[in-house]
Amino acid sequence: MNLLRKKSINKLILESQQKSGLKKALGALDLTALGIGAIIGTGIFVLTGVAAAEYAGPALVLSFVISGIACAFAALVYAEFASMVPVAGSAYTYSYAALGEFFAWIIGWDLMLEYALACSTVAIGWSGYFVKLLQGLGVNLPAWGTLSAGSGGLVNIPALAIALLITWLLSLGVKESTRVNNIIVAVKLFAVLVFIVVAIFYVKPANWQPFMPYGWNGVFRGAAIVFFAYIGFDAVSTAAEEVKNPQKDLPRGIIASLIVCTVLYIIVTAILTGAVSYTKLNVSAPIALALQVMHQNWAAGIISIGALGGITTVLLVMLYGQTRVFYAMSRDGLLPKIFSETHPIHKTPNKSTWLTGIIVAIVAGLTPIDVLAEMVNIGTMAAFVFVSIAVIVLRKSQPDLPRAFRCPGVPVVPLLAALFSLFLMFKLPGATWIRFLVWLFIGLLIYFFYGYRHSNLNKEAKANVD
C-alpha cells in the first residue's frame, strides 16, 4: 500500500481551477472579518470566566499570551501555505502535498473534530447567552429545553435551532453569508469596546491578588483551555477557492485577524479579572455578569446582544470551514461525492452543508459544553503540529516553488509552533486523550475500508497499471 502518495501542488491548483464549483467573491477585508468572526466568540464571552475561576486566576492573561504565541507561529505557517496552495481544504490539502495521503487523511479527520465539534460547542455557548438575555426580559425557559441531558436537562433546543438557522444561511451562498458576518463582526467589536470603556473604571488591583493562585501549572492548563478562543484564523484558509486574489489576501486575512483578536483578549481578560474576583467568574456569561456586578445593566444588555452576535459568527465560520474541508476530501475521492456536489444557483456544497448542520445541531442539543471544548482543542493542536512539519518538508523538497508569503525563521518558527502545540496537548486531561485516540481509530478504519480504495490517486495508479 502506498500510504504516502502525494498530490503535486501544480495538480492541486489545476484541479481547483478546472473542477471547482465554488464562486470567487471574497477580498482581504472579508477574510479578516471571517477570521475575527471565527475567533472572537465563545472564547472571550464564555471560556474566560471558567478558565480564570478553575485554572489560572488573574494570570489568565499569561495563558492568553502563551496560547497567542503558539497560534502566532502557526499562523505564519498557515499564511505561507495559503499563499502557495490557494485550494480549499486548509491543513488537509497542505498535508496532501507535503506529507502524503495517509497524513492528509489524519489531518482531515482532525479538522472534522475541530470544526464540527467547535460548531456544537459554540451553539451551546450561544444558547447560554440567549437564555440569559430572555431572563433579563422576564422570560424564563424551562431547564429541560435549554440544557442537555448531561447538564441537568433533556435537550438544548436554542442550540439546536441556531445551528440549523446558520446552516440555512450558508446554503444561500458565500457572499450572502460573509455580508451577514461582516455586519455582526462590527456589532460584536463595538460590544467588546463598550465593555473595555465601561469596566476599566471599576478595576481594583486587589482583585489581581493572588495573581497566580494555581501556579504555573494552572497558567499552562489555562492556556490549553483558552486555546479554543484562538481557533478560527485557520478557518480563513478554507476559503481559498472563493477568494479573488488568494496569494496576497489569504496571508493578510489570517495574520490581521489574529493580531486584532490577541490584543483584545489580553485587554478584556485583564479588565475582567481586575473588576471582579476570579472566584466569581465560573458562569456561562462572565462579561455580562461583571457588568451586572458594576450595576451597569445597560452595558450588560449590549454585551449580551454583542455576545449573541459574536458567537453566531463563530458558528457561521466554523460550519463554513467544515463543509469546505469535506468538499476538498470528497473531490480527492476520500469521501463520497455527495460532499463535493455544488448547488447550480448558489454555488455552495448544499447537500454537505445541510448534512453537517443537522449533525452539529443534534450534538449541540445533547452534549455538555466542557467535553466538546477539550476535544476541539486537541484536534486543532494536532493539525497545527502536522502543518508545521509540512512547511519544513516542502521548503526542503521543493525550495523553488513560488511563495507569495514566506514564513520567517524556517525551520525554527514552524518547530516552535509544533512544540507549543504539543506542549499544550499534553496539558489536556487524560480522558480527552482517550476520546481523541478513539476518534483517530475510527478515522483509520474509514480510511482503510473506504478512503484508500476510492482515492483518485489510487484510481489513477490502477489505470496506469492496466
Protein backbone atom coordinates (compact mmCIF):
# COMPACT_ATOMS: atom_id res chain seq x y z
CA MET A 1 0.00 0.00 0.00
CA ASN A 2 1.31 3.42 -0.96
CA LEU A 3 0.19 5.43 2.07
CA LEU A 4 2.50 8.35 1.35
CA ARG A 5 1.44 9.08 -2.22
CA LYS A 6 1.27 12.83 -2.75
CA LYS A 7 -0.55 15.33 -4.90
CA SER A 8 1.68 17.87 -6.57
CA ILE A 9 0.87 21.50 -5.83
CA ASN A 10 0.52 22.25 -9.54
CA LYS A 11 -2.02 19.44 -9.84
CA LEU A 12 -3.95 20.67 -6.79
CA ILE A 13 -4.17 24.17 -8.23
CA LEU A 14 -5.09 22.91 -11.71
CA GLU A 15 -7.87 20.68 -10.31
CA SER A 16 -9.27 23.55 -8.26
CA GLN A 17 -9.37 25.74 -11.37
CA GLN A 18 -10.99 23.08 -13.56
CA LYS A 19 -13.34 21.34 -11.13
CA SER A 20 -14.26 23.99 -8.58
CA GLY A 21 -17.94 24.77 -8.50
CA LEU A 22 -17.38 27.48 -5.87
CA LYS A 23 -17.80 31.20 -6.53
CA LYS A 24 -14.84 33.62 -6.18
CA ALA A 25 -16.32 36.52 -4.22
CA LEU A 26 -14.07 37.36 -1.23
CA GLY A 27 -11.42 40.03 -0.63
CA ALA A 28 -8.90 40.80 2.14
CA LEU A 29 -11.44 42.67 4.30
CA ASP A 30 -13.92 39.78 4.01
CA LEU A 31 -11.20 37.33 5.08
CA THR A 32 -10.11 39.46 8.05
CA ALA A 33 -13.74 39.72 9.13
CA LEU A 34 -14.10 35.95 8.70
CA GLY A 35 -11.09 35.46 10.97
CA ILE A 36 -12.37 37.87 13.61
CA GLY A 37 -15.82 36.37 13.23
CA ALA A 38 -14.42 32.93 13.99
CA ILE A 39 -12.04 33.93 16.79
CA ILE A 40 -13.99 36.37 18.95
CA GLY A 41 -16.93 34.47 20.34
CA THR A 42 -17.24 31.68 22.87
CA GLY A 43 -13.60 32.08 23.90
CA ILE A 44 -13.94 35.66 25.11
CA PHE A 45 -17.61 35.68 26.12
CA VAL A 46 -17.75 32.25 27.83
CA LEU A 47 -14.44 30.46 28.45
CA THR A 48 -12.65 33.44 30.07
CA GLY A 49 -14.73 33.06 33.23
CA VAL A 50 -14.37 29.30 33.54
CA ALA A 51 -10.62 29.35 32.82
CA ALA A 52 -9.99 32.15 35.33
CA ALA A 53 -12.05 30.52 38.09
CA GLU A 54 -10.83 26.95 37.71
CA TYR A 55 -7.33 27.13 36.21
CA ALA A 56 -5.34 30.36 36.14
CA GLY A 57 -6.99 33.13 38.19
CA PRO A 58 -5.88 36.65 37.17
CA ALA A 59 -2.85 35.02 35.49
CA LEU A 60 -5.24 34.02 32.73
CA VAL A 61 -3.68 37.00 30.93
CA LEU A 62 -0.47 34.95 30.72
CA SER A 63 -2.47 31.95 29.49
CA PHE A 64 -3.79 34.06 26.62
CA VAL A 65 -0.28 35.32 25.85
CA ILE A 66 1.09 31.75 25.73
CA SER A 67 -1.74 30.50 23.51
CA GLY A 68 -1.42 33.62 21.37
CA ILE A 69 2.30 32.99 20.81
CA ALA A 70 1.62 29.37 19.85
CA CYS A 71 -1.06 30.49 17.40
CA ALA A 72 1.14 33.28 16.02
CA PHE A 73 3.78 30.74 15.00
CA ALA A 74 1.10 28.52 13.49
CA ALA A 75 -0.49 31.50 11.71
CA LEU A 76 2.79 32.30 9.93
CA VAL A 77 2.99 28.68 8.76
CA TYR A 78 -0.61 28.73 7.54
CA ALA A 79 0.00 32.04 5.76
CA GLU A 80 2.84 30.54 3.71
CA PHE A 81 0.80 27.52 2.73
CA ALA A 82 -2.29 29.60 1.94
CA SER A 83 -0.29 31.81 -0.43
CA MET A 84 1.36 28.79 -2.06
CA VAL A 85 -1.62 26.39 -2.27
CA PRO A 86 -4.78 28.53 -2.70
CA VAL A 87 -7.05 25.47 -2.66
CA ALA A 88 -10.00 24.56 -0.41
CA GLY A 89 -9.20 22.15 2.42
CA SER A 90 -6.73 24.12 4.56
CA ALA A 91 -4.34 21.89 6.54
CA TYR A 92 -5.71 18.74 4.87
CA THR A 93 -4.70 19.98 1.41
CA TYR A 94 -1.31 21.25 2.62
CA SER A 95 -0.51 17.86 4.17
CA TYR A 96 -1.55 16.04 0.98
CA ALA A 97 1.09 18.00 -0.95
CA ALA A 98 3.88 17.75 1.63
CA LEU A 99 3.42 14.59 3.70
CA GLY A 100 1.21 12.28 1.64
CA GLU A 101 -2.32 10.89 1.61
CA PHE A 102 -2.25 8.99 4.91
CA PHE A 103 -1.22 12.05 6.91
CA ALA A 104 -3.62 14.20 4.89
CA TRP A 105 -6.46 11.89 5.92
CA ILE A 106 -5.46 12.11 9.59
CA ILE A 107 -5.41 15.91 9.35
CA GLY A 108 -8.75 15.97 7.55
CA TRP A 109 -10.21 13.72 10.24
CA ASP A 110 -8.75 16.02 12.93
CA LEU A 111 -10.27 19.04 11.20
CA MET A 112 -13.66 17.34 11.38
CA LEU A 113 -13.10 17.11 15.13
CA GLU A 114 -12.11 20.77 15.25
CA TYR A 115 -14.80 22.35 13.12
CA ALA A 116 -17.83 20.13 13.70
CA LEU A 117 -17.40 19.93 17.48
CA ALA A 118 -16.45 23.62 17.63
CA CYS A 119 -19.77 24.38 15.95
CA SER A 120 -21.61 22.35 18.56
CA THR A 121 -19.65 23.97 21.40
CA VAL A 122 -20.35 27.44 20.08
CA ALA A 123 -24.05 26.65 19.63
CA ILE A 124 -24.23 25.67 23.31
CA GLY A 125 -22.49 28.93 24.30
CA TRP A 126 -24.95 30.87 22.14
CA SER A 127 -27.82 29.13 23.92
CA GLY A 128 -26.45 30.17 27.33
CA TYR A 129 -26.36 33.86 26.38
CA PHE A 130 -29.76 33.66 24.67
CA VAL A 131 -31.39 32.16 27.76
CA LYS A 132 -29.74 34.79 29.98
CA LEU A 133 -30.93 37.58 27.68
CA LEU A 134 -34.51 36.28 27.83
CA GLN A 135 -34.29 36.06 31.62
CA GLY A 136 -33.37 39.74 31.67
CA LEU A 137 -36.58 40.40 29.76
CA GLY A 138 -38.62 38.34 32.24
CA VAL A 139 -38.91 35.23 30.06
CA ASN A 140 -37.78 32.01 31.77
CA LEU A 141 -37.40 28.97 29.55
CA PRO A 142 -37.65 25.52 31.20
CA ALA A 143 -34.37 23.79 32.03
CA TRP A 144 -35.39 20.62 30.19
CA GLY A 145 -35.46 22.56 26.91
CA THR A 146 -32.28 24.64 27.38
CA LEU A 147 -29.81 22.11 28.80
CA SER A 148 -28.54 18.76 27.54
CA ALA A 149 -29.19 15.53 29.43
CA GLY A 150 -25.64 15.61 30.79
CA SER A 151 -26.16 19.12 32.17
CA GLY A 152 -29.44 18.58 34.01
CA GLY A 153 -31.95 18.99 31.18
CA LEU A 154 -33.25 16.95 28.28
CA VAL A 155 -32.35 18.74 25.03
CA ASN A 156 -30.82 22.16 24.32
CA ILE A 157 -33.42 23.50 21.88
CA PRO A 158 -31.89 27.01 21.36
CA ALA A 159 -28.51 25.43 20.48
CA LEU A 160 -30.16 23.08 18.05
CA ALA A 161 -32.19 25.89 16.46
CA ILE A 162 -29.27 28.31 15.90
CA ALA A 163 -27.20 25.55 14.27
CA LEU A 164 -29.98 24.88 11.77
CA LEU A 165 -30.51 28.61 11.11
CA ILE A 166 -26.82 29.14 10.29
CA THR A 167 -26.90 26.06 8.07
CA TRP A 168 -29.72 27.62 6.06
CA LEU A 169 -27.80 30.92 5.73
CA LEU A 170 -24.65 29.16 4.49
CA SER A 171 -26.66 27.24 1.92
CA LEU A 172 -27.67 30.55 0.28
CA GLY A 173 -24.14 31.47 -0.88
CA VAL A 174 -20.72 32.61 0.35
CA LYS A 175 -21.21 36.31 -0.48
CA GLU A 176 -24.52 36.44 1.34
CA SER A 177 -23.00 34.65 4.34
CA THR A 178 -19.95 36.93 4.53
CA ARG A 179 -22.12 40.04 4.20
CA VAL A 180 -24.05 38.97 7.31
CA ASN A 181 -20.78 38.03 9.03
CA ASN A 182 -19.22 41.47 8.36
CA ILE A 183 -22.21 43.27 9.88
CA ILE A 184 -22.28 41.10 13.01
CA VAL A 185 -18.49 41.38 13.45
CA ALA A 186 -18.85 45.16 13.61
CA VAL A 187 -21.58 44.77 16.26
CA LYS A 188 -19.54 42.45 18.46
CA LEU A 189 -16.39 44.57 18.22
CA PHE A 190 -18.49 47.50 19.38
CA ALA A 191 -19.78 45.39 22.30
CA VAL A 192 -16.23 44.44 23.33
CA LEU A 193 -15.14 48.10 23.18
CA VAL A 194 -18.16 49.07 25.34
CA PHE A 195 -17.03 46.59 27.99
CA ILE A 196 -13.46 47.92 27.93
CA VAL A 197 -14.51 51.58 28.18
CA VAL A 198 -17.05 50.96 30.97
CA ALA A 199 -15.30 48.30 33.05
CA ILE A 200 -11.83 49.86 33.12
CA PHE A 201 -13.06 52.37 35.72
CA TYR A 202 -14.08 49.53 38.06
CA VAL A 203 -10.73 47.72 38.10
CA LYS A 204 -9.42 47.10 41.63
CA PRO A 205 -5.79 45.93 41.77
CA ALA A 206 -6.71 43.92 44.89
CA ASN A 207 -8.69 41.55 42.65
CA TRP A 208 -5.43 40.59 40.91
CA GLN A 209 -4.13 39.15 44.18
CA PRO A 210 -3.11 36.38 44.34
CA PHE A 211 -2.11 36.79 40.72
CA MET A 212 -1.25 33.13 40.16
CA PRO A 213 -3.38 31.14 42.64
CA TYR A 214 -2.92 27.84 40.81
CA GLY A 215 0.77 28.31 39.98
CA TRP A 216 2.42 27.91 36.60
CA ASN A 217 0.71 24.58 36.07
CA GLY A 218 -2.61 26.42 36.29
CA VAL A 219 -1.39 29.01 33.78
CA PHE A 220 -0.42 26.28 31.31
CA ARG A 221 -3.69 24.38 31.89
CA GLY A 222 -5.49 27.66 31.32
CA ALA A 223 -3.55 28.16 28.08
CA ALA A 224 -4.60 24.69 26.90
CA ILE A 225 -8.26 25.52 27.60
CA VAL A 226 -8.36 29.08 26.18
CA PHE A 227 -6.55 27.82 23.09
CA PHE A 228 -10.13 27.29 21.92
CA ALA A 229 -10.53 31.08 21.95
CA TYR A 230 -8.00 31.44 19.12
CA ILE A 231 -9.36 28.74 16.88
CA GLY A 232 -10.67 30.36 13.75
CA PHE A 233 -7.77 32.03 11.96
CA ASP A 234 -7.05 28.69 10.28
CA ALA A 235 -10.65 28.61 9.04
CA VAL A 236 -9.77 31.58 6.83
CA SER A 237 -7.58 29.30 4.71
CA THR A 238 -10.53 27.00 3.94
CA ALA A 239 -11.99 29.85 1.84
CA ALA A 240 -9.07 29.73 -0.62
CA GLU A 241 -11.09 28.81 -3.72
CA GLU A 242 -13.62 31.59 -3.08
CA VAL A 243 -11.04 34.40 -2.81
CA LYS A 244 -10.40 36.78 -5.70
CA ASN A 245 -6.66 37.19 -5.03
CA PRO A 246 -5.76 34.31 -2.66
CA GLN A 247 -1.95 34.59 -2.84
CA LYS A 248 -1.99 38.05 -1.25
CA ASP A 249 -5.31 38.26 0.58
CA LEU A 250 -5.19 34.95 2.47
CA PRO A 251 -1.99 35.73 4.43
CA ARG A 252 -3.29 39.24 5.17
CA GLY A 253 -6.60 37.91 6.47
CA ILE A 254 -5.00 35.21 8.63
CA ILE A 255 -2.38 37.44 10.29
CA ALA A 256 -4.52 40.58 10.67
CA SER A 257 -7.41 38.76 12.34
CA LEU A 258 -5.09 37.01 14.81
CA ILE A 259 -3.34 40.27 15.80
CA VAL A 260 -6.61 42.15 16.41
CA CYS A 261 -8.09 39.34 18.48
CA THR A 262 -4.96 38.70 20.60
CA VAL A 263 -4.78 42.34 21.67
CA LEU A 264 -8.49 42.39 22.56
CA TYR A 265 -8.25 39.11 24.52
CA ILE A 266 -5.41 40.35 26.71
CA ILE A 267 -7.10 43.70 27.44
CA VAL A 268 -10.51 42.16 28.20
CA THR A 269 -9.06 39.43 30.45
CA ALA A 270 -7.01 41.91 32.47
CA ILE A 271 -10.01 44.20 32.99
CA LEU A 272 -12.42 41.32 33.73
CA THR A 273 -10.28 39.78 36.47
CA GLY A 274 -9.47 43.24 37.83
CA ALA A 275 -13.12 44.28 38.07
CA VAL A 276 -14.49 41.04 39.56
CA SER A 277 -12.76 38.42 41.71
CA TYR A 278 -11.82 35.41 39.61
CA THR A 279 -13.59 33.18 42.16
CA LYS A 280 -16.97 34.56 40.99
CA LEU A 281 -16.44 34.09 37.26
CA ASN A 282 -17.31 30.41 36.85
CA VAL A 283 -20.51 31.20 34.90
CA SER A 284 -21.63 30.87 31.28
CA ALA A 285 -21.73 34.65 30.71
CA PRO A 286 -18.84 36.15 32.74
CA ILE A 287 -18.61 39.52 30.98
CA ALA A 288 -22.33 40.22 31.32
CA LEU A 289 -22.08 39.14 35.00
CA ALA A 290 -19.19 41.57 35.60
CA LEU A 291 -21.23 44.49 34.25
CA GLN A 292 -24.20 43.49 36.40
CA VAL A 293 -21.94 43.48 39.47
CA MET A 294 -20.93 47.03 38.49
CA HIS A 295 -24.66 47.91 38.20
CA GLN A 296 -24.14 48.75 34.53
CA ASN A 297 -27.14 46.79 33.31
CA TRP A 298 -27.45 48.87 30.14
CA ALA A 299 -23.93 47.82 29.16
CA ALA A 300 -24.65 44.22 30.17
CA GLY A 301 -27.54 44.27 27.70
CA ILE A 302 -25.26 45.50 24.90
CA ILE A 303 -22.72 42.81 25.80
CA SER A 304 -25.35 40.09 25.73
CA ILE A 305 -26.51 41.21 22.27
CA GLY A 306 -22.88 41.51 21.09
CA ALA A 307 -22.09 38.08 22.53
CA LEU A 308 -25.05 36.52 20.77
CA GLY A 309 -23.96 38.10 17.51
CA GLY A 310 -20.32 37.24 18.11
CA ILE A 311 -21.00 33.63 18.88
CA THR A 312 -23.28 33.45 15.85
CA THR A 313 -20.43 34.44 13.52
CA VAL A 314 -18.11 31.86 15.08
CA LEU A 315 -20.70 29.21 14.35
CA LEU A 316 -21.08 30.52 10.81
CA VAL A 317 -17.34 30.47 10.00
CA MET A 318 -16.68 27.09 11.65
CA LEU A 319 -19.58 25.42 9.86
CA TYR A 320 -18.38 27.05 6.64
CA GLY A 321 -14.85 25.72 7.21
CA GLN A 322 -16.09 22.19 7.90
CA THR A 323 -18.05 22.00 4.66
CA ARG A 324 -15.04 23.22 2.64
CA VAL A 325 -12.77 20.56 4.17
CA PHE A 326 -15.41 17.94 3.32
CA TYR A 327 -15.55 19.44 -0.19
CA ALA A 328 -11.79 19.04 -0.72
CA MET A 329 -11.64 15.50 0.69
CA SER A 330 -14.62 14.42 -1.41
CA ARG A 331 -13.11 15.89 -4.58
CA ASP A 332 -10.00 13.80 -3.90
CA GLY A 333 -12.15 10.67 -3.58
CA LEU A 334 -11.55 10.12 0.14
CA LEU A 335 -15.19 10.87 0.99
CA PRO A 336 -18.39 10.18 -1.00
CA LYS A 337 -19.17 12.57 -3.87
CA ILE A 338 -22.21 14.00 -2.10
CA PHE A 339 -19.81 16.21 -0.11
CA SER A 340 -18.43 17.94 -3.22
CA GLU A 341 -21.67 18.43 -5.15
CA THR A 342 -22.48 22.13 -5.50
CA HIS A 343 -25.82 23.89 -5.93
CA PRO A 344 -26.29 25.10 -9.53
CA ILE A 345 -27.52 28.55 -8.44
CA HIS A 346 -25.95 29.28 -5.04
CA LYS A 347 -22.58 27.67 -5.89
CA THR A 348 -22.31 26.12 -2.42
CA PRO A 349 -21.83 22.47 -1.37
CA ASN A 350 -25.50 22.43 -0.46
CA LYS A 351 -26.03 18.77 0.48
CA SER A 352 -22.84 18.69 2.55
CA THR A 353 -23.83 21.91 4.32
CA TRP A 354 -27.21 20.55 5.38
CA LEU A 355 -25.86 17.13 6.38
CA THR A 356 -23.14 18.75 8.51
CA GLY A 357 -25.52 21.28 10.01
CA ILE A 358 -28.03 18.63 11.10
CA ILE A 359 -25.30 16.56 12.79
CA VAL A 360 -23.92 19.67 14.54
CA ALA A 361 -27.42 20.58 15.74
CA ILE A 362 -28.02 17.12 17.21
CA VAL A 363 -24.65 17.08 19.01
CA ALA A 364 -25.20 20.61 20.36
CA GLY A 365 -28.63 19.68 21.64
CA LEU A 366 -27.47 16.59 23.53
CA THR A 367 -23.86 17.11 24.72
CA PRO A 368 -22.29 19.15 27.62
CA ILE A 369 -20.02 22.05 26.59
CA ASP A 370 -16.86 21.20 28.58
CA VAL A 371 -16.35 17.79 26.92
CA LEU A 372 -16.69 19.32 23.45
CA ALA A 373 -14.28 22.24 24.04
CA GLU A 374 -11.41 19.99 25.11
CA MET A 375 -11.93 17.67 22.11
CA VAL A 376 -11.87 20.65 19.74
CA ASN A 377 -8.60 21.88 21.24
CA ILE A 378 -6.74 18.59 20.90
CA GLY A 379 -7.88 18.13 17.29
CA THR A 380 -6.74 21.64 16.37
CA MET A 381 -3.37 21.33 18.08
CA ALA A 382 -2.71 18.05 16.25
CA ALA A 383 -3.46 19.79 12.94
CA PHE A 384 -1.05 22.61 13.83
CA VAL A 385 1.72 20.08 14.52
CA PHE A 386 1.33 18.38 11.13
CA VAL A 387 1.11 21.64 9.17
CA SER A 388 4.23 22.98 10.90
CA ILE A 389 6.18 19.87 9.93
CA ALA A 390 4.76 20.02 6.40
CA VAL A 391 6.07 23.54 5.72
CA ILE A 392 9.60 22.43 6.69
CA VAL A 393 9.34 19.37 4.43
CA LEU A 394 8.23 21.46 1.44
CA ARG A 395 10.98 24.03 1.98
CA LYS A 396 13.49 21.17 1.70
CA SER A 397 11.85 19.09 -1.02
CA GLN A 398 10.56 21.91 -3.26
CA PRO A 399 12.50 25.07 -2.42
CA ASP A 400 11.80 26.72 -5.81
CA LEU A 401 8.02 26.74 -5.54
CA PRO A 402 6.60 30.28 -5.78
CA ARG A 403 5.64 31.60 -2.35
CA ALA A 404 3.79 34.94 -2.21
CA PHE A 405 4.33 34.90 1.57
CA ARG A 406 7.29 33.21 3.25
CA CYS A 407 7.13 32.18 6.88
CA PRO A 408 10.14 33.82 8.60
CA GLY A 409 12.70 31.82 10.54
CA VAL A 410 12.14 28.40 8.94
CA PRO A 411 12.71 25.81 10.43
CA VAL A 412 12.76 27.50 13.88
CA VAL A 413 9.30 29.14 13.74
CA PRO A 414 7.46 26.01 12.47
CA LEU A 415 9.27 23.87 15.05
CA LEU A 416 8.22 26.29 17.80
CA ALA A 417 4.62 26.13 16.53
CA ALA A 418 4.75 22.32 16.69
CA LEU A 419 6.40 22.23 20.12
CA PHE A 420 3.99 24.79 21.64
CA SER A 421 1.03 22.82 20.30
CA LEU A 422 2.39 19.50 21.59
CA PHE A 423 3.11 21.04 24.99
CA LEU A 424 -0.46 22.32 25.29
CA MET A 425 -1.86 18.99 24.06
CA PHE A 426 -0.18 17.22 26.97
CA LYS A 427 -1.75 19.70 29.39
CA LEU A 428 -5.22 18.42 28.47
CA PRO A 429 -6.90 15.76 30.66
CA GLY A 430 -6.24 12.07 30.09
CA ALA A 431 -9.92 11.46 29.29
CA THR A 432 -9.62 13.90 26.37
CA TRP A 433 -6.66 11.92 25.02
CA ILE A 434 -8.62 8.67 25.24
CA ARG A 435 -11.54 10.18 23.30
CA PHE A 436 -9.07 11.60 20.76
CA LEU A 437 -7.37 8.24 20.20
CA VAL A 438 -10.75 6.53 19.81
CA TRP A 439 -11.68 9.19 17.23
CA LEU A 440 -8.43 8.55 15.33
CA PHE A 441 -9.03 4.79 15.38
CA ILE A 442 -12.49 5.25 13.86
CA GLY A 443 -10.98 7.54 11.22
CA LEU A 444 -8.33 4.98 10.29
CA LEU A 445 -10.98 2.29 9.84
CA ILE A 446 -12.90 4.56 7.45
CA TYR A 447 -9.72 5.40 5.52
CA PHE A 448 -8.57 1.81 5.02
CA PHE A 449 -12.04 0.45 4.19
CA TYR A 450 -13.20 3.36 2.01
CA GLY A 451 -10.83 6.31 1.53
CA TYR A 452 -7.75 4.44 0.32
CA ARG A 453 -9.64 2.40 -2.27
CA HIS A 454 -11.73 5.31 -3.59
CA SER A 455 -8.90 7.85 -3.65
CA ASN A 456 -8.40 9.50 -7.04
CA LEU A 457 -4.67 8.77 -6.78
CA ASN A 458 -5.44 5.08 -6.23
CA LYS A 459 -7.73 5.03 -9.29
CA GLU A 460 -5.03 6.74 -11.37
CA ALA A 461 -2.42 4.22 -10.20
CA LYS A 462 -4.70 1.29 -11.15
CA ALA A 463 -5.43 2.85 -14.54
CA ASN A 464 -1.69 3.20 -15.23
CA VAL A 465 -1.09 -0.45 -14.30
CA ASP A 466 -3.92 -1.62 -16.55
